[in-house]
N, C-alpha and C. Protein backbone atom coordinates (compact mmCIF):
# COMPACT_ATOMS: atom_id res chain seq x y z
N UNK A 1 -146.61 88.51 -138.80
CA UNK A 1 -147.15 89.39 -137.79
C UNK A 1 -146.21 90.59 -137.63
N UNK A 2 -146.75 91.78 -137.77
CA UNK A 2 -145.96 92.99 -137.65
C UNK A 2 -145.55 93.22 -136.21
N UNK A 3 -144.26 93.55 -135.99
CA UNK A 3 -143.80 93.78 -134.62
C UNK A 3 -144.54 94.95 -133.97
N UNK A 4 -144.73 94.87 -132.68
CA UNK A 4 -145.40 95.93 -131.93
C UNK A 4 -144.42 97.07 -131.68
N UNK A 5 -144.88 98.27 -131.97
CA UNK A 5 -144.06 99.46 -131.72
C UNK A 5 -144.01 99.75 -130.23
N UNK A 6 -142.85 100.13 -129.77
CA UNK A 6 -142.68 100.52 -128.38
C UNK A 6 -142.47 102.02 -128.24
N UNK A 7 -141.97 102.63 -129.30
CA UNK A 7 -141.70 104.07 -129.27
C UNK A 7 -142.77 104.77 -130.10
N UNK A 8 -143.40 105.75 -129.49
CA UNK A 8 -144.41 106.55 -130.17
C UNK A 8 -143.80 107.21 -131.41
N UNK A 9 -144.56 107.23 -132.50
CA UNK A 9 -144.06 107.78 -133.76
C UNK A 9 -143.59 109.22 -133.66
N UNK A 10 -144.35 110.06 -132.97
CA UNK A 10 -143.96 111.47 -132.85
C UNK A 10 -142.66 111.60 -132.05
N UNK A 11 -142.52 110.82 -130.99
CA UNK A 11 -141.30 110.87 -130.18
C UNK A 11 -140.10 110.35 -130.98
N UNK A 12 -140.30 109.26 -131.72
CA UNK A 12 -139.23 108.69 -132.52
C UNK A 12 -138.80 109.64 -133.63
N UNK A 13 -139.77 110.21 -134.32
CA UNK A 13 -139.45 111.17 -135.38
C UNK A 13 -138.66 112.35 -134.83
N UNK A 14 -139.10 112.85 -133.67
CA UNK A 14 -138.42 113.99 -133.06
C UNK A 14 -136.97 113.63 -132.71
N UNK A 15 -136.75 112.44 -132.21
CA UNK A 15 -135.39 112.02 -131.87
C UNK A 15 -134.52 111.91 -133.12
N UNK A 16 -135.07 111.33 -134.19
CA UNK A 16 -134.30 111.22 -135.43
C UNK A 16 -133.99 112.60 -135.98
N UNK A 17 -134.96 113.48 -135.99
CA UNK A 17 -134.73 114.85 -136.48
C UNK A 17 -133.67 115.56 -135.64
N UNK A 18 -133.71 115.34 -134.33
CA UNK A 18 -132.72 115.98 -133.45
C UNK A 18 -131.31 115.48 -133.77
N UNK A 19 -131.18 114.18 -133.99
CA UNK A 19 -129.86 113.63 -134.34
C UNK A 19 -129.40 114.19 -135.68
N UNK A 20 -130.29 114.26 -136.65
CA UNK A 20 -129.92 114.81 -137.95
C UNK A 20 -129.52 116.28 -137.85
N UNK A 21 -130.05 116.97 -136.84
CA UNK A 21 -129.70 118.38 -136.62
C UNK A 21 -128.44 118.54 -135.77
N UNK A 22 -127.86 117.41 -135.32
CA UNK A 22 -126.59 117.51 -134.61
C UNK A 22 -126.61 117.02 -133.17
N UNK A 23 -127.75 116.66 -132.63
CA UNK A 23 -127.79 116.16 -131.24
C UNK A 23 -127.01 114.86 -131.16
N UNK A 24 -126.20 114.72 -130.12
CA UNK A 24 -125.45 113.47 -129.98
C UNK A 24 -125.45 112.97 -128.54
N UNK A 25 -126.43 113.45 -127.74
CA UNK A 25 -126.51 112.96 -126.37
C UNK A 25 -127.03 111.52 -126.38
N UNK A 26 -126.68 110.78 -125.35
CA UNK A 26 -126.98 109.35 -125.29
C UNK A 26 -128.47 109.05 -125.37
N UNK A 27 -129.29 109.79 -124.67
CA UNK A 27 -130.73 109.50 -124.65
C UNK A 27 -131.36 109.70 -126.03
N UNK A 28 -130.99 110.76 -126.71
CA UNK A 28 -131.54 111.02 -128.04
C UNK A 28 -131.04 109.99 -129.04
N UNK A 29 -129.75 109.67 -128.98
CA UNK A 29 -129.20 108.64 -129.87
C UNK A 29 -129.88 107.28 -129.63
N UNK A 30 -130.11 106.96 -128.37
CA UNK A 30 -130.74 105.68 -128.03
C UNK A 30 -132.16 105.62 -128.59
N UNK A 31 -132.95 106.68 -128.37
CA UNK A 31 -134.32 106.66 -128.85
C UNK A 31 -134.36 106.61 -130.37
N UNK A 32 -133.55 107.41 -131.03
CA UNK A 32 -133.53 107.42 -132.49
C UNK A 32 -133.10 106.06 -133.04
N UNK A 33 -132.09 105.46 -132.44
CA UNK A 33 -131.61 104.15 -132.89
C UNK A 33 -132.68 103.08 -132.73
N UNK A 34 -133.29 103.04 -131.57
CA UNK A 34 -134.33 102.03 -131.31
C UNK A 34 -135.55 102.24 -132.21
N UNK A 35 -135.92 103.49 -132.39
CA UNK A 35 -137.06 103.80 -133.25
C UNK A 35 -136.81 103.32 -134.69
N UNK A 36 -135.62 103.57 -135.19
CA UNK A 36 -135.30 103.14 -136.55
C UNK A 36 -135.12 101.63 -136.65
N UNK A 37 -134.66 100.99 -135.60
CA UNK A 37 -134.64 99.52 -135.59
C UNK A 37 -136.06 98.97 -135.66
N UNK A 38 -136.98 99.57 -134.91
CA UNK A 38 -138.38 99.17 -134.98
C UNK A 38 -138.93 99.36 -136.39
N UNK A 39 -138.55 100.46 -137.01
CA UNK A 39 -139.01 100.74 -138.37
C UNK A 39 -138.48 99.69 -139.34
N UNK A 40 -137.22 99.30 -139.19
CA UNK A 40 -136.66 98.25 -140.05
C UNK A 40 -137.44 96.96 -139.87
N UNK A 41 -137.70 96.58 -138.62
CA UNK A 41 -138.44 95.34 -138.36
C UNK A 41 -139.83 95.39 -138.97
N UNK A 42 -140.41 96.58 -139.05
CA UNK A 42 -141.74 96.73 -139.64
C UNK A 42 -141.68 96.69 -141.17
N UNK A 43 -140.72 97.39 -141.75
CA UNK A 43 -140.62 97.47 -143.22
C UNK A 43 -140.06 96.20 -143.84
N UNK A 44 -139.16 95.53 -143.14
CA UNK A 44 -138.50 94.33 -143.67
C UNK A 44 -138.79 93.16 -142.73
N UNK A 45 -140.06 92.92 -142.51
CA UNK A 45 -140.48 91.90 -141.56
C UNK A 45 -139.88 90.55 -141.89
N UNK A 46 -139.37 89.88 -140.88
CA UNK A 46 -138.77 88.56 -141.04
C UNK A 46 -137.82 88.24 -139.91
N UNK A 47 -137.14 87.12 -140.05
CA UNK A 47 -136.25 86.66 -138.98
C UNK A 47 -134.94 86.10 -139.53
N UNK A 48 -134.53 86.54 -140.70
CA UNK A 48 -133.34 85.98 -141.33
C UNK A 48 -132.05 86.67 -140.90
N UNK A 49 -132.11 87.98 -140.67
CA UNK A 49 -130.91 88.75 -140.34
C UNK A 49 -131.13 89.44 -138.99
N UNK A 50 -130.15 89.30 -138.11
CA UNK A 50 -130.20 90.03 -136.85
C UNK A 50 -129.38 91.30 -137.03
N UNK A 51 -130.00 92.43 -136.76
CA UNK A 51 -129.35 93.74 -136.89
C UNK A 51 -129.10 94.26 -135.49
N UNK A 52 -127.82 94.50 -135.18
CA UNK A 52 -127.41 94.93 -133.84
C UNK A 52 -126.81 96.32 -133.88
N UNK A 53 -127.27 97.15 -132.96
CA UNK A 53 -126.72 98.50 -132.77
C UNK A 53 -126.43 98.64 -131.27
N UNK A 54 -125.28 98.06 -130.84
CA UNK A 54 -124.97 98.10 -129.41
C UNK A 54 -124.62 99.52 -128.97
N UNK A 55 -124.99 99.90 -127.78
CA UNK A 55 -125.69 99.14 -126.76
C UNK A 55 -127.20 99.35 -126.78
N UNK A 56 -127.72 99.92 -127.88
CA UNK A 56 -129.11 100.38 -127.88
C UNK A 56 -130.15 99.35 -128.28
N UNK A 57 -129.82 98.38 -129.08
CA UNK A 57 -130.85 97.41 -129.45
C UNK A 57 -130.45 96.50 -130.58
N UNK A 58 -131.35 95.57 -130.84
CA UNK A 58 -131.19 94.61 -131.94
C UNK A 58 -132.57 94.15 -132.36
N UNK A 59 -132.72 93.85 -133.64
CA UNK A 59 -133.97 93.29 -134.16
C UNK A 59 -133.64 92.21 -135.17
N UNK A 60 -134.60 91.34 -135.38
CA UNK A 60 -134.51 90.40 -136.48
C UNK A 60 -135.40 90.92 -137.60
N UNK A 61 -134.89 90.84 -138.81
CA UNK A 61 -135.60 91.38 -139.97
C UNK A 61 -135.27 90.55 -141.20
N UNK A 62 -135.83 90.90 -142.30
CA UNK A 62 -135.63 90.32 -143.62
C UNK A 62 -136.34 88.95 -143.72
N UNK A 63 -137.19 88.85 -144.70
CA UNK A 63 -137.93 87.62 -144.94
C UNK A 63 -136.99 86.49 -145.35
N UNK A 64 -137.28 85.30 -144.89
CA UNK A 64 -136.48 84.13 -145.23
C UNK A 64 -136.50 83.14 -144.10
N UNK A 65 -135.52 82.24 -144.06
CA UNK A 65 -135.49 81.23 -143.01
C UNK A 65 -135.44 81.85 -141.62
N UNK A 66 -136.22 81.31 -140.73
CA UNK A 66 -136.33 81.82 -139.37
C UNK A 66 -135.19 81.27 -138.51
N UNK A 67 -134.59 82.17 -137.72
CA UNK A 67 -133.56 81.77 -136.77
C UNK A 67 -134.20 81.71 -135.39
N UNK A 68 -133.97 80.63 -134.64
CA UNK A 68 -134.62 80.52 -133.34
C UNK A 68 -133.68 80.31 -132.16
N UNK A 69 -132.50 79.70 -132.36
CA UNK A 69 -131.64 79.40 -131.21
C UNK A 69 -130.18 79.62 -131.55
N UNK A 70 -129.41 79.98 -130.52
CA UNK A 70 -127.97 80.13 -130.70
C UNK A 70 -127.61 81.39 -131.46
N UNK A 71 -126.38 81.44 -131.91
CA UNK A 71 -125.89 82.59 -132.67
C UNK A 71 -126.54 82.60 -134.04
N UNK A 72 -127.13 83.73 -134.43
CA UNK A 72 -127.77 83.81 -135.74
C UNK A 72 -126.76 83.61 -136.86
N UNK A 73 -127.16 82.98 -137.96
CA UNK A 73 -126.24 82.78 -139.08
C UNK A 73 -125.96 84.06 -139.88
N UNK A 74 -126.86 85.03 -139.79
CA UNK A 74 -126.71 86.28 -140.53
C UNK A 74 -126.82 87.45 -139.55
N UNK A 75 -125.70 88.14 -139.35
CA UNK A 75 -125.66 89.23 -138.38
C UNK A 75 -125.07 90.47 -139.03
N UNK A 76 -125.71 91.61 -138.77
CA UNK A 76 -125.21 92.91 -139.20
C UNK A 76 -125.07 93.73 -137.93
N UNK A 77 -123.89 94.33 -137.74
CA UNK A 77 -123.66 95.12 -136.53
C UNK A 77 -122.94 96.40 -136.88
N UNK A 78 -123.32 97.48 -136.18
CA UNK A 78 -122.70 98.78 -136.39
C UNK A 78 -122.96 99.68 -135.20
N UNK A 79 -122.24 100.78 -135.12
CA UNK A 79 -122.49 101.74 -134.05
C UNK A 79 -123.72 102.58 -134.38
N UNK A 80 -124.18 103.32 -133.39
CA UNK A 80 -125.41 104.09 -133.56
C UNK A 80 -125.30 105.17 -134.64
N UNK A 81 -124.18 105.86 -134.69
CA UNK A 81 -124.04 106.92 -135.70
C UNK A 81 -124.12 106.35 -137.11
N UNK A 82 -123.50 105.20 -137.32
CA UNK A 82 -123.55 104.56 -138.63
C UNK A 82 -124.98 104.12 -138.94
N UNK A 83 -125.64 103.49 -137.97
CA UNK A 83 -127.02 103.03 -138.17
C UNK A 83 -127.94 104.20 -138.54
N UNK A 84 -127.84 105.30 -137.81
CA UNK A 84 -128.69 106.45 -138.08
C UNK A 84 -128.42 107.02 -139.47
N UNK A 85 -127.17 107.07 -139.85
CA UNK A 85 -126.83 107.58 -141.19
C UNK A 85 -127.36 106.66 -142.29
N UNK A 86 -127.21 105.36 -142.11
CA UNK A 86 -127.73 104.40 -143.09
C UNK A 86 -129.25 104.45 -143.17
N UNK A 87 -129.91 104.43 -142.02
CA UNK A 87 -131.37 104.37 -141.97
C UNK A 87 -132.02 105.61 -142.55
N UNK A 88 -131.36 106.76 -142.43
CA UNK A 88 -131.93 108.01 -142.94
C UNK A 88 -131.44 108.37 -144.34
N UNK A 89 -130.54 107.58 -144.88
CA UNK A 89 -130.08 107.81 -146.24
C UNK A 89 -128.94 108.78 -146.39
N UNK A 90 -128.28 109.13 -145.30
CA UNK A 90 -127.14 110.05 -145.42
C UNK A 90 -125.83 109.30 -145.61
N UNK A 91 -125.88 107.96 -145.57
CA UNK A 91 -124.73 107.11 -145.82
C UNK A 91 -125.18 105.92 -146.64
N UNK A 92 -124.43 105.58 -147.66
CA UNK A 92 -124.73 104.45 -148.52
C UNK A 92 -124.20 103.15 -147.91
N UNK A 93 -124.97 102.07 -148.05
CA UNK A 93 -124.61 100.77 -147.49
C UNK A 93 -123.23 100.33 -147.96
N UNK A 94 -122.98 100.33 -149.27
CA UNK A 94 -121.70 99.85 -149.80
C UNK A 94 -120.53 100.69 -149.29
N UNK A 95 -120.73 101.98 -149.17
CA UNK A 95 -119.68 102.87 -148.66
C UNK A 95 -119.39 102.52 -147.20
N UNK A 96 -120.44 102.31 -146.40
CA UNK A 96 -120.26 101.98 -144.98
C UNK A 96 -119.54 100.65 -144.81
N UNK A 97 -119.90 99.66 -145.61
CA UNK A 97 -119.25 98.35 -145.52
C UNK A 97 -117.78 98.46 -145.93
N UNK A 98 -117.53 99.15 -147.04
CA UNK A 98 -116.16 99.30 -147.53
C UNK A 98 -115.27 100.05 -146.53
N UNK A 99 -115.87 100.98 -145.79
CA UNK A 99 -115.11 101.77 -144.81
C UNK A 99 -114.95 101.03 -143.48
N UNK A 100 -115.52 99.85 -143.36
CA UNK A 100 -115.41 99.08 -142.13
C UNK A 100 -116.31 99.57 -141.02
N UNK A 101 -117.32 100.35 -141.36
CA UNK A 101 -118.24 100.87 -140.35
C UNK A 101 -119.35 99.88 -140.02
N UNK A 102 -119.49 98.83 -140.86
CA UNK A 102 -120.50 97.80 -140.67
C UNK A 102 -119.80 96.44 -140.67
N UNK A 103 -120.17 95.60 -139.72
CA UNK A 103 -119.72 94.22 -139.72
C UNK A 103 -120.90 93.37 -140.16
N UNK A 104 -120.72 92.61 -141.23
CA UNK A 104 -121.80 91.77 -141.75
C UNK A 104 -121.26 90.36 -141.97
N UNK A 105 -121.90 89.39 -141.31
CA UNK A 105 -121.47 88.00 -141.48
C UNK A 105 -122.68 87.15 -141.84
N UNK A 106 -122.47 86.25 -142.77
CA UNK A 106 -123.54 85.39 -143.24
C UNK A 106 -123.90 85.72 -144.68
N UNK A 107 -124.38 84.73 -145.39
CA UNK A 107 -124.66 84.88 -146.82
C UNK A 107 -125.81 85.85 -147.11
N UNK A 108 -126.67 86.11 -146.13
CA UNK A 108 -127.81 87.01 -146.34
C UNK A 108 -127.69 88.29 -145.51
N UNK A 109 -126.52 88.56 -144.98
CA UNK A 109 -126.31 89.69 -144.07
C UNK A 109 -126.07 90.98 -144.83
N UNK A 110 -127.14 91.50 -145.40
CA UNK A 110 -127.08 92.80 -146.06
C UNK A 110 -128.40 93.53 -145.86
N UNK A 111 -128.31 94.84 -145.78
CA UNK A 111 -129.50 95.67 -145.68
C UNK A 111 -129.60 96.61 -146.88
N UNK A 112 -128.77 96.36 -147.89
CA UNK A 112 -128.69 97.26 -149.04
C UNK A 112 -130.04 97.51 -149.70
N UNK A 113 -130.88 96.49 -149.78
CA UNK A 113 -132.18 96.64 -150.44
C UNK A 113 -133.25 97.21 -149.53
N UNK A 114 -132.93 97.43 -148.26
CA UNK A 114 -133.92 97.88 -147.30
C UNK A 114 -133.66 99.27 -146.74
N UNK A 115 -132.64 99.93 -147.23
CA UNK A 115 -132.29 101.26 -146.74
C UNK A 115 -132.29 102.27 -147.87
N UNK A 116 -132.60 103.53 -147.61
CA UNK A 116 -133.00 104.09 -146.33
C UNK A 116 -134.43 103.69 -145.96
N UNK A 117 -134.75 103.91 -144.70
CA UNK A 117 -136.07 103.58 -144.19
C UNK A 117 -137.06 104.72 -144.46
N UNK A 118 -138.33 104.42 -144.35
CA UNK A 118 -139.40 105.41 -144.51
C UNK A 118 -139.88 105.80 -143.12
N UNK A 119 -139.09 106.55 -142.41
CA UNK A 119 -139.35 106.83 -140.99
C UNK A 119 -140.18 108.07 -140.73
N UNK A 120 -140.20 109.00 -141.66
CA UNK A 120 -140.87 110.28 -141.38
C UNK A 120 -142.39 110.11 -141.36
N UNK A 121 -143.01 110.65 -140.35
CA UNK A 121 -144.45 110.61 -140.22
C UNK A 121 -145.04 111.86 -140.86
N UNK A 122 -146.14 111.68 -141.53
CA UNK A 122 -146.81 112.81 -142.18
C UNK A 122 -147.34 113.79 -141.14
N UNK A 123 -147.26 115.06 -141.46
CA UNK A 123 -147.86 116.08 -140.63
C UNK A 123 -147.02 116.58 -139.48
N UNK A 124 -145.78 116.13 -139.38
CA UNK A 124 -144.95 116.63 -138.28
C UNK A 124 -144.05 117.74 -138.76
């Protein structure tokens, strides 16, 4: 079942574009981060890896064994700037991990095959 979107596509796209253009205010970063987390959950539907971007949000993604209780066995965590760069393709997964910008624990805790995301809406 595809996750339900909470952020309108046009609003989310605008927030991501604003961040890519240099906006760094909390509200814009929050909307862009949450929108791209929703996009990840849609593109990589599943419950194997929990992706956290504190303080803005977290989603479960990646097909595989479902996690239901307690601390997830596969967790990926990063700050919003890193998440936005990875999701939009301006930062490579391996580079971010090597630089310590991403914390990944668990045997399946990688997003390398799922990034960058296809976030841009046609016609905007």
